[in-house]
N, C-alpha and C. Protein backbone atom coordinates (compact mmCIF):
# COMPACT_ATOMS: atom_id res chain seq x y z
N MET A 1 17.49 -22.17 -16.65
CA MET A 1 17.30 -22.68 -15.34
C MET A 1 16.14 -22.61 -14.66
N PRO A 2 15.71 -22.75 -13.69
CA PRO A 2 14.49 -22.97 -12.66
C PRO A 2 14.95 -21.53 -11.89
N GLY A 3 15.80 -21.22 -11.49
CA GLY A 3 16.12 -20.27 -10.57
C GLY A 3 16.01 -18.92 -11.15
N ASN A 4 16.08 -18.70 -12.56
CA ASN A 4 16.01 -17.77 -13.52
C ASN A 4 14.74 -17.29 -13.90
N ARG A 5 14.04 -16.47 -13.39
CA ARG A 5 12.49 -16.42 -13.92
C ARG A 5 12.88 -14.63 -14.99
N PRO A 6 11.95 -15.07 -16.05
CA PRO A 6 12.34 -13.89 -16.63
C PRO A 6 11.42 -12.39 -16.40
N HIS A 7 11.99 -11.49 -16.68
CA HIS A 7 12.07 -10.04 -16.74
C HIS A 7 11.18 -9.40 -17.45
N TYR A 8 9.55 -9.42 -17.50
CA TYR A 8 8.85 -8.75 -18.78
C TYR A 8 8.62 -7.07 -18.38
N ILE A 9 8.47 -6.64 -19.95
CA ILE A 9 8.58 -5.19 -19.69
C ILE A 9 7.54 -5.04 -19.40
N LEU A 10 6.70 -4.03 -18.66
CA LEU A 10 5.22 -3.43 -18.12
C LEU A 10 4.94 -2.63 -18.87
N LEU A 11 3.65 -2.06 -19.56
CA LEU A 11 3.35 -1.07 -19.89
C LEU A 11 2.97 -0.06 -19.16
N PRO A 12 3.21 1.16 -20.04
CA PRO A 12 3.14 2.19 -18.52
C PRO A 12 1.38 2.57 -18.06
N VAL A 13 1.57 2.88 -16.83
CA VAL A 13 0.31 2.73 -16.02
C VAL A 13 -0.66 4.18 -16.65
N SER A 14 -1.80 3.39 -16.35
CA SER A 14 -2.78 4.46 -16.51
C SER A 14 -2.95 5.58 -15.51
N PRO A 15 -3.24 6.79 -15.22
CA PRO A 15 -3.31 7.64 -14.18
C PRO A 15 -4.67 7.53 -13.92
N LEU A 16 -5.52 7.03 -14.78
CA LEU A 16 -6.98 6.83 -14.56
C LEU A 16 -7.28 5.55 -13.81
N PHE A 17 -6.04 4.30 -13.97
CA PHE A 17 -6.21 3.09 -13.43
C PHE A 17 -5.85 3.51 -11.63
N ILE A 18 -4.76 4.20 -11.82
CA ILE A 18 -4.52 4.34 -10.78
C ILE A 18 -5.65 5.47 -9.39
N THR A 19 -6.27 6.13 -10.46
CA THR A 19 -6.98 6.79 -9.52
C THR A 19 -8.27 5.71 -9.13
N PHE A 20 -8.73 5.46 -9.93
CA PHE A 20 -9.63 3.96 -9.94
C PHE A 20 -9.04 3.05 -8.65
N SER A 21 -7.68 2.63 -8.45
CA SER A 21 -7.64 1.55 -7.29
C SER A 21 -7.65 2.11 -6.52
N LEU A 22 -7.07 4.02 -5.95
CA LEU A 22 -7.21 4.48 -4.85
C LEU A 22 -8.42 4.57 -4.44
N VAL A 23 -9.83 4.79 -5.43
CA VAL A 23 -10.98 4.74 -4.80
C VAL A 23 -11.70 3.69 -4.41
N CYS A 24 -11.02 2.37 -5.19
CA CYS A 24 -11.83 1.53 -4.69
C CYS A 24 -11.24 0.60 -3.34
N ALA A 25 -9.86 1.28 -2.90
CA ALA A 25 -9.43 1.01 -1.73
C ALA A 25 -10.15 1.63 -0.77
N PHE A 26 -10.42 2.94 -0.82
CA PHE A 26 -11.57 3.70 0.11
C PHE A 26 -12.43 2.92 0.32
N MET A 27 -12.90 2.92 -0.82
CA MET A 27 -14.43 2.16 -1.05
C MET A 27 -14.30 0.78 0.05
N LEU A 28 -13.35 0.00 0.11
CA LEU A 28 -13.19 -0.96 0.69
C LEU A 28 -12.85 -1.01 2.37
N ASN A 29 -12.13 0.44 2.49
CA ASN A 29 -11.92 0.72 4.03
C ASN A 29 -13.55 1.74 4.64
N LEU A 30 -14.62 1.54 3.97
CA LEU A 30 -15.63 2.52 4.12
C LEU A 30 -16.49 1.17 4.75
N LEU A 31 -16.16 -0.09 3.84
CA LEU A 31 -17.02 -1.01 4.55
C LEU A 31 -16.84 -0.90 6.08
N PRO A 32 -18.10 -1.99 6.89
CA PRO A 32 -18.26 -1.51 8.42
C PRO A 32 -17.20 -3.08 8.80
N LEU A 33 -15.82 -3.05 8.45
CA LEU A 33 -15.01 -4.23 8.86
C LEU A 33 -13.87 -3.50 10.35
N GLY A 34 -14.08 -1.98 10.64
CA GLY A 34 -13.55 -1.60 11.56
C GLY A 34 -13.63 -2.47 13.17
N ARG A 35 -14.65 -3.26 13.10
CA ARG A 35 -14.75 -3.76 15.00
C ARG A 35 -14.11 -5.41 14.69
N TRP A 36 -13.47 -5.90 13.38
CA TRP A 36 -13.30 -7.27 12.99
C TRP A 36 -11.57 -7.16 13.27
N VAL A 37 -10.88 -8.08 13.95
CA VAL A 37 -9.24 -8.26 14.18
C VAL A 37 -8.48 -8.48 13.42
N GLY A 38 -7.35 -7.53 13.15
CA GLY A 38 -6.99 -7.85 11.44
C GLY A 38 -7.45 -7.29 10.67
N ALA A 39 -8.88 -6.87 10.37
CA ALA A 39 -8.98 -5.84 8.84
C ALA A 39 -8.26 -4.73 8.20
N PRO A 40 -7.60 -5.23 7.26
CA PRO A 40 -6.74 -4.63 6.95
C PRO A 40 -6.78 -3.00 6.48
N ASP A 41 -5.83 -2.47 6.63
CA ASP A 41 -5.92 -0.81 5.85
C ASP A 41 -6.03 -0.92 4.45
N PHE A 42 -6.57 -0.79 3.41
CA PHE A 42 -6.56 -0.86 2.27
C PHE A 42 -6.11 -0.06 1.42
N VAL A 43 -6.35 1.10 2.01
CA VAL A 43 -5.36 2.59 1.50
C VAL A 43 -4.16 2.58 1.69
N ALA A 44 -3.93 1.90 2.67
CA ALA A 44 -2.67 2.30 3.24
C ALA A 44 -1.53 0.68 2.44
N LEU A 45 -2.19 0.08 2.25
CA LEU A 45 -1.56 -1.35 0.98
C LEU A 45 -1.43 -0.31 -0.17
N VAL A 46 -2.55 0.16 -0.93
CA VAL A 46 -2.28 0.30 -1.86
C VAL A 46 -1.43 1.94 -2.05
N LEU A 47 -1.60 2.56 -1.23
CA LEU A 47 -0.70 3.94 -1.28
C LEU A 47 0.98 3.33 -1.37
N VAL A 48 1.08 2.16 -0.62
CA VAL A 48 2.62 1.39 -0.21
C VAL A 48 2.96 0.77 -2.06
N PHE A 49 1.47 0.22 -2.33
CA PHE A 49 2.14 -0.01 -3.51
C PHE A 49 2.25 0.70 -4.67
N TRP A 50 1.63 1.57 -5.06
CA TRP A 50 2.07 2.62 -5.75
C TRP A 50 3.08 3.72 -5.14
N GLY A 51 3.55 3.54 -4.26
CA GLY A 51 4.67 4.47 -4.00
C GLY A 51 6.05 3.68 -4.08
N ILE A 52 5.87 2.40 -4.23
CA ILE A 52 6.61 1.41 -4.58
C ILE A 52 7.22 1.47 -6.34
N HIS A 53 5.79 1.53 -6.68
CA HIS A 53 5.76 1.39 -8.15
C HIS A 53 5.79 2.26 -8.90
N GLN A 54 4.97 3.59 -8.31
CA GLN A 54 4.81 4.61 -9.30
C GLN A 54 5.20 5.86 -8.59
N PRO A 55 6.50 5.86 -8.07
CA PRO A 55 6.46 7.28 -6.98
C PRO A 55 6.58 8.53 -7.68
N ARG A 56 6.72 8.61 -8.98
CA ARG A 56 6.45 10.25 -9.27
C ARG A 56 4.84 10.34 -9.27
N LYS A 57 4.07 9.24 -9.72
CA LYS A 57 2.80 9.79 -10.16
C LYS A 57 1.86 9.41 -8.73
N VAL A 58 2.30 8.91 -7.51
CA VAL A 58 1.56 9.01 -6.01
C VAL A 58 2.83 9.21 -5.03
N GLY A 59 2.54 10.29 -4.63
CA GLY A 59 3.44 10.69 -3.77
C GLY A 59 2.72 11.02 -2.73
N ILE A 60 3.55 11.82 -1.65
CA ILE A 60 2.66 12.40 -0.30
C ILE A 60 1.77 13.05 -0.52
N GLY A 61 1.94 13.76 -1.46
CA GLY A 61 0.47 15.16 -1.79
C GLY A 61 -0.36 13.97 -1.44
N VAL A 62 -0.81 12.59 -2.44
CA VAL A 62 -1.98 12.25 -2.72
C VAL A 62 -2.23 11.31 -1.13
N ALA A 63 -0.98 11.18 -0.63
CA ALA A 63 -0.79 10.26 0.39
C ALA A 63 -1.74 10.97 1.62
N PHE A 64 -1.64 12.65 1.73
CA PHE A 64 -2.11 13.46 2.48
C PHE A 64 -3.80 13.39 2.55
N VAL A 65 -3.80 13.64 1.08
CA VAL A 65 -5.21 13.86 0.84
C VAL A 65 -5.83 12.50 1.46
N MET A 66 -5.59 11.47 1.12
CA MET A 66 -6.09 9.95 1.18
C MET A 66 -6.43 9.89 2.91
N GLY A 67 -5.40 10.65 3.50
CA GLY A 67 -5.45 10.43 4.62
C GLY A 67 -6.52 11.34 5.71
N LEU A 68 -6.56 12.59 4.88
CA LEU A 68 -7.68 13.59 5.61
C LEU A 68 -8.64 12.74 5.24
N LEU A 69 -9.33 12.40 4.09
CA LEU A 69 -10.53 11.69 3.56
C LEU A 69 -10.48 10.98 4.97
N MET A 70 -9.56 9.71 5.11
CA MET A 70 -9.79 8.70 6.07
C MET A 70 -10.23 9.17 7.30
N ASP A 71 -9.47 10.39 8.10
CA ASP A 71 -9.68 10.80 8.86
C ASP A 71 -11.13 11.60 9.22
N VAL A 72 -11.55 11.73 8.46
CA VAL A 72 -13.04 12.41 7.94
C VAL A 72 -14.13 11.22 8.54
N HIS A 73 -13.58 9.86 7.21
CA HIS A 73 -14.59 8.87 7.60
C HIS A 73 -14.46 8.17 8.74
N ASP A 74 -13.27 8.01 9.28
CA ASP A 74 -12.99 7.47 10.98
C ASP A 74 -13.68 8.43 11.85
N ALA A 75 -13.75 9.59 11.68
CA ALA A 75 -14.04 11.09 12.78
C ALA A 75 -13.16 10.65 13.68
N SER A 76 -11.96 10.58 13.18
CA SER A 76 -11.02 10.53 14.35
C SER A 76 -9.93 11.81 14.40
N LEU A 77 -9.32 11.64 14.86
CA LEU A 77 -8.24 13.04 14.98
C LEU A 77 -7.68 13.79 13.79
N LEU A 78 -8.34 15.02 13.43
CA LEU A 78 -7.56 15.37 12.15
C LEU A 78 -6.72 15.56 11.72
N GLY A 79 -6.14 14.54 10.98
CA GLY A 79 -4.38 14.31 10.93
C GLY A 79 -3.66 13.51 11.13
N GLU A 80 -4.59 12.53 11.76
CA GLU A 80 -4.19 11.23 12.25
C GLU A 80 -3.43 10.38 11.48
N ASN A 81 -4.17 9.91 10.62
CA ASN A 81 -4.33 9.07 9.19
C ASN A 81 -3.19 9.84 8.35
N ALA A 82 -3.66 10.91 8.24
CA ALA A 82 -2.98 12.23 7.06
C ALA A 82 -1.43 12.19 7.65
N LEU A 83 -0.87 11.98 9.12
CA LEU A 83 0.31 11.78 9.51
C LEU A 83 0.80 10.93 8.90
N ALA A 84 0.33 9.40 9.48
CA ALA A 84 0.55 8.23 9.03
C ALA A 84 0.83 8.09 7.80
N TYR A 85 -0.42 8.20 6.98
CA TYR A 85 0.15 8.19 5.54
C TYR A 85 1.14 8.72 4.54
N THR A 86 1.69 9.82 5.20
CA THR A 86 2.16 10.94 4.88
C THR A 86 3.74 10.07 4.68
N LEU A 87 3.99 9.73 5.72
CA LEU A 87 5.35 9.18 6.71
C LEU A 87 5.41 7.89 5.61
N LEU A 88 4.03 6.65 6.02
CA LEU A 88 4.10 5.58 5.07
C LEU A 88 4.58 6.06 3.59
N SER A 89 3.95 6.74 2.99
CA SER A 89 4.45 7.08 1.31
C SER A 89 5.80 8.01 1.23
N TYR A 90 6.20 8.42 2.14
CA TYR A 90 7.51 8.59 2.28
C TYR A 90 8.89 8.06 2.06
N LEU A 91 8.31 6.56 2.84
CA LEU A 91 9.25 5.87 3.42
C LEU A 91 9.64 4.97 1.78
N ALA A 92 8.07 4.31 1.47
CA ALA A 92 7.85 3.56 0.65
C ALA A 92 8.69 4.08 -0.68
N ILE A 93 8.40 5.71 -0.64
CA ILE A 93 9.27 6.14 -2.16
C ILE A 93 10.81 6.11 -1.87
N MET A 94 11.03 6.25 -0.41
CA MET A 94 12.65 6.17 -0.27
C MET A 94 13.16 4.84 -0.70
N ILE A 95 12.73 3.85 -0.42
CA ILE A 95 12.70 1.89 -0.32
C ILE A 95 12.87 1.68 -1.91
N HIS A 96 11.85 2.57 -2.83
CA HIS A 96 11.15 1.77 -3.81
C HIS A 96 12.12 1.14 -4.57
N ARG A 97 13.40 1.83 -5.14
CA ARG A 97 14.02 1.29 -5.73
C ARG A 97 14.95 -0.43 -5.46
N ARG A 98 15.24 -0.29 -4.34
CA ARG A 98 15.53 -2.02 -3.35
C ARG A 98 14.53 -2.97 -3.36
N VAL A 99 13.40 -2.29 -3.29
CA VAL A 99 12.02 -3.69 -2.82
C VAL A 99 12.13 -4.03 -4.16
N LEU A 100 12.01 -3.26 -5.52
CA LEU A 100 11.63 -3.89 -6.59
C LEU A 100 12.24 -5.00 -7.19
N TRP A 101 13.64 -5.11 -6.59
CA TRP A 101 14.42 -6.14 -7.06
C TRP A 101 14.40 -7.30 -6.30
N PHE A 102 13.42 -7.46 -5.60
CA PHE A 102 12.89 -8.74 -4.44
C PHE A 102 11.75 -9.79 -5.35
N ARG A 103 11.67 -10.42 -4.44
CA ARG A 103 10.13 -11.34 -4.89
C ARG A 103 9.49 -10.91 -4.40
N LEU A 104 7.84 -11.39 -4.56
CA LEU A 104 7.14 -10.90 -3.79
C LEU A 104 7.03 -11.10 -2.19
N MET A 105 7.32 -12.21 -1.67
CA MET A 105 7.68 -12.65 -0.45
C MET A 105 8.67 -11.87 0.40
N THR A 106 9.74 -12.04 -0.63
CA THR A 106 10.68 -10.40 0.22
C THR A 106 9.97 -9.07 -0.01
N GLN A 107 9.48 -8.56 -0.42
CA GLN A 107 9.06 -7.17 -1.09
C GLN A 107 8.06 -6.90 0.25
N ALA A 108 7.28 -8.19 0.68
CA ALA A 108 6.30 -7.95 1.77
C ALA A 108 6.99 -7.69 2.59
N MET A 109 7.99 -8.75 3.03
CA MET A 109 8.77 -8.35 4.53
C MET A 109 9.36 -7.03 4.54
N HIS A 110 10.03 -6.41 3.37
CA HIS A 110 10.29 -4.64 3.31
C HIS A 110 9.30 -4.31 3.71
N VAL A 111 7.79 -4.20 3.48
CA VAL A 111 7.14 -3.47 2.89
C VAL A 111 6.47 -3.39 5.40
N PHE A 112 6.47 -4.69 5.53
CA PHE A 112 6.03 -4.80 6.83
C PHE A 112 6.56 -3.86 7.64
N PRO A 113 7.40 -3.80 7.96
CA PRO A 113 7.79 -2.53 8.77
C PRO A 113 7.52 -0.97 8.57
N LEU A 114 7.02 -0.79 7.35
CA LEU A 114 6.34 0.34 6.92
C LEU A 114 5.21 0.30 6.86
N LEU A 115 3.94 -0.53 7.13
CA LEU A 115 2.95 -0.50 7.73
C LEU A 115 2.56 -0.59 9.24
N LEU A 116 3.40 -1.50 9.92
CA LEU A 116 3.85 -1.27 11.08
C LEU A 116 3.80 -0.32 11.94
N LEU A 117 4.80 0.65 11.35
CA LEU A 117 5.02 2.21 11.80
C LEU A 117 3.98 2.85 11.42
N ALA A 118 2.83 3.14 10.59
CA ALA A 118 2.33 3.41 10.16
C ALA A 118 1.23 3.81 11.18
N GLN A 119 1.03 2.14 11.52
CA GLN A 119 0.00 1.82 12.67
C GLN A 119 0.45 2.22 13.88
N THR A 120 1.88 2.27 14.12
CA THR A 120 2.57 2.76 15.58
C THR A 120 2.07 4.42 15.48
N VAL A 121 2.46 5.24 14.48
CA VAL A 121 2.10 6.55 14.79
C VAL A 121 0.53 6.84 14.89
N GLN A 122 -0.60 5.85 13.85
CA GLN A 122 -1.90 5.94 14.66
C GLN A 122 -2.38 5.69 15.78
N ALA A 123 -1.46 4.95 16.53
CA ALA A 123 -1.99 4.40 17.86
C ALA A 123 -1.04 5.75 18.57
N PHE A 124 -0.23 6.04 18.28
CA PHE A 124 0.34 7.15 19.34
C PHE A 124 -0.34 8.16 18.98
N VAL A 125 -0.41 8.58 18.21
CA VAL A 125 -1.58 9.84 17.95
C VAL A 125 -2.84 9.39 18.83
N HIS A 126 -3.42 8.24 18.93
CA HIS A 126 -4.44 8.16 19.69
C HIS A 126 -4.38 8.08 20.89
N PHE A 127 -3.56 7.34 21.33
CA PHE A 127 -3.21 7.59 22.55
C PHE A 127 -2.69 8.99 23.19
N THR A 128 -2.24 9.58 22.59
CA THR A 128 -1.48 10.87 23.16
C THR A 128 -3.13 12.04 23.27
N ALA A 129 -3.91 12.08 22.30
CA ALA A 129 -5.24 12.73 22.35
C ALA A 129 -6.32 11.64 22.89
N SER A 130 -6.36 10.44 23.28
CA SER A 130 -7.01 10.11 24.32
C SER A 130 -7.10 9.47 25.66
N GLY A 131 -5.68 9.00 25.73
CA GLY A 131 -5.21 8.71 26.73
C GLY A 131 -5.73 7.16 26.61
N ARG A 132 -5.88 6.57 25.67
CA ARG A 132 -6.19 4.99 25.67
C ARG A 132 -5.18 4.04 24.64
N PHE A 133 -4.89 2.92 24.93
CA PHE A 133 -4.25 2.73 24.37
C PHE A 133 -5.05 1.60 23.25
N PRO A 134 -5.11 1.05 21.98
CA PRO A 134 -5.66 0.30 21.56
C PRO A 134 -5.78 -1.05 21.28
N GLY A 135 -4.30 -1.47 22.15
CA GLY A 135 -4.16 -2.66 22.21
C GLY A 135 -3.32 -3.45 21.59
N LEU A 136 -2.86 -4.36 21.92
CA LEU A 136 -1.98 -5.62 20.78
C LEU A 136 -2.41 -5.84 19.79
N LEU A 137 -3.88 -6.46 19.79
CA LEU A 137 -4.25 -6.61 18.32
C LEU A 137 -4.62 -5.99 17.83
N HIS A 138 -4.42 -4.52 17.88
CA HIS A 138 -4.71 -3.33 16.51
C HIS A 138 -3.64 -3.81 15.88
N PHE A 139 -2.33 -4.19 15.97
CA PHE A 139 -0.87 -4.20 15.04
C PHE A 139 -1.48 -5.63 14.03
N ALA A 140 -2.32 -6.51 14.46
CA ALA A 140 -2.69 -7.37 13.62
C ALA A 140 -2.85 -7.13 12.32
N GLU A 141 -3.85 -5.77 12.02
CA GLU A 141 -3.82 -5.50 10.41
C GLU A 141 -2.76 -5.58 9.96
N SER A 142 -1.67 -5.23 10.12
CA SER A 142 -0.25 -5.22 9.55
C SER A 142 0.42 -6.42 9.27
N VAL A 143 -0.31 -7.60 9.69
CA VAL A 143 0.45 -9.06 9.23
C VAL A 143 -0.81 -9.12 8.47
N VAL A 144 -1.99 -8.93 8.80
CA VAL A 144 -2.85 -9.47 7.41
C VAL A 144 -2.37 -8.62 6.03
N ALA A 145 -2.38 -7.44 6.06
CA ALA A 145 -1.83 -6.41 4.94
C ALA A 145 -0.79 -6.86 4.55
N VAL A 146 0.08 -7.58 4.91
CA VAL A 146 1.19 -7.93 4.22
C VAL A 146 1.11 -9.67 3.66
N ALA A 147 0.26 -10.43 4.21
CA ALA A 147 -0.30 -11.10 3.64
C ALA A 147 -1.16 -10.71 2.76
N LEU A 148 -1.55 -9.59 1.93
CA LEU A 148 -2.36 -9.57 0.99
C LEU A 148 -1.66 -8.87 0.10
N TRP A 149 0.06 -8.53 0.10
CA TRP A 149 0.95 -7.82 -0.73
C TRP A 149 1.13 -8.95 -2.12
N PRO A 150 0.85 -9.73 -2.07
CA PRO A 150 1.32 -10.80 -3.42
C PRO A 150 -0.10 -10.83 -3.84
N VAL A 151 -1.46 -11.06 -3.45
CA VAL A 151 -2.61 -10.46 -4.22
C VAL A 151 -2.86 -9.13 -4.57
N ILE A 152 -2.66 -8.16 -3.96
CA ILE A 152 -2.63 -6.96 -4.10
C ILE A 152 -1.63 -6.49 -5.40
N THR A 153 -0.28 -6.87 -5.26
CA THR A 153 0.41 -6.59 -6.57
C THR A 153 0.26 -6.96 -7.73
N TRP A 154 -0.29 -8.52 -7.54
CA TRP A 154 -0.95 -9.13 -8.92
C TRP A 154 -2.45 -8.96 -9.48
N LEU A 155 -3.29 -7.79 -8.63
CA LEU A 155 -4.47 -7.12 -9.21
C LEU A 155 -4.00 -5.86 -9.97
N LEU A 156 -2.91 -5.32 -8.99
CA LEU A 156 -2.63 -4.09 -9.73
C LEU A 156 -1.41 -3.57 -10.91
N LEU A 157 -0.91 -4.97 -10.85
CA LEU A 157 -0.40 -5.00 -11.68
C LEU A 157 -0.32 -5.59 -13.10
N ALA A 158 -1.71 -6.69 -13.16
CA ALA A 158 -2.49 -7.27 -14.29
C ALA A 158 -2.52 -6.14 -15.53
N PRO A 159 -2.92 -4.66 -15.25
CA PRO A 159 -3.57 -4.14 -16.58
C PRO A 159 -2.08 -3.67 -17.24
N GLN A 160 -1.28 -3.79 -16.75
CA GLN A 160 0.47 -3.18 -17.51
C GLN A 160 0.98 -4.54 -18.05
N ARG A 161 0.86 -5.70 -17.71
CA ARG A 161 1.37 -6.73 -18.22
C ARG A 161 1.15 -7.10 -19.95
N ARG A 162 1.95 -7.33 -20.38
CA ARG A 162 1.89 -7.44 -22.05
C ARG A 162 2.12 -8.64 -22.05
N ALA A 163 1.51 -9.14 -23.13
CA ALA A 163 0.82 -10.62 -23.53
C ALA A 163 1.73 -11.08 -23.80
N VAL A 164 2.19 -12.37 -23.72
CA VAL A 164 3.24 -13.31 -23.73
C VAL A 164 3.74 -13.58 -25.34
N ASP A 165 4.84 -13.03 -25.89
CA ASP A 165 5.12 -12.96 -27.35
C ASP A 165 5.34 -14.36 -27.69
N ARG A 166 5.16 -15.16 -28.67
CA ARG A 166 5.84 -16.18 -29.07
C ARG A 166 6.74 -15.95 -30.08
N ASP A 167 6.68 -14.68 -30.67
CA ASP A 167 7.77 -14.48 -31.83
C ASP A 167 9.42 -14.27 -30.77
N HIS A 168 9.93 -15.29 -30.66
CA HIS A 168 11.04 -14.86 -30.07
C HIS A 168 12.28 -13.67 -30.70
N THR A 169 12.15 -13.09 -32.30
CA THR A 169 13.05 -12.56 -33.11
C THR A 169 12.55 -10.66 -32.32
N ARG A 170 11.33 -10.67 -32.10
CA ARG A 170 11.27 -9.34 -31.51
C ARG A 170 12.08 -9.03 -30.41
N PRO A 171 13.07 -7.61 -30.20
CA PRO A 171 13.55 -7.29 -29.20
C PRO A 171 12.73 -7.00 -27.68
N ILE A 172 11.08 -6.71 -27.97
CA ILE A 172 10.80 -6.21 -27.20
C ILE A 172 9.07 -7.18 -26.97
């Protein structure tokens, strides 16, 4: 049937690959894209991905440390990104079993409120500390990040995919 797609068993993820993906996301956030409207927060996107796919390996502690690193990089109020990433990671871990049952576009619709909430927390902390609202275009990066969700999923699951077997008698 065309509506039924096969479910493949994935290989276990390497902790080294998780670390590599978080470092790459951090490096992408270091690029001077901050002035562009809609430049996504790659660290938040990768944290949500690993929070959904590997909640026991990437949790709230990793999100807090990555948030502190982003706070130092952005020269923002210390704890602004750490609070947002911690909340983001907690919510991703909370819904991880449900989200994995859906297709990629439906997963993206579940991830969108999480990213939007994290940006709202960042904007609220920024507004409380400085008295300036960043503007509604600040929230465009959540839309761009959700548009990147299928690409990020494909890239980060690529090392875990098994080769397609032609031997149909093997159980795995």
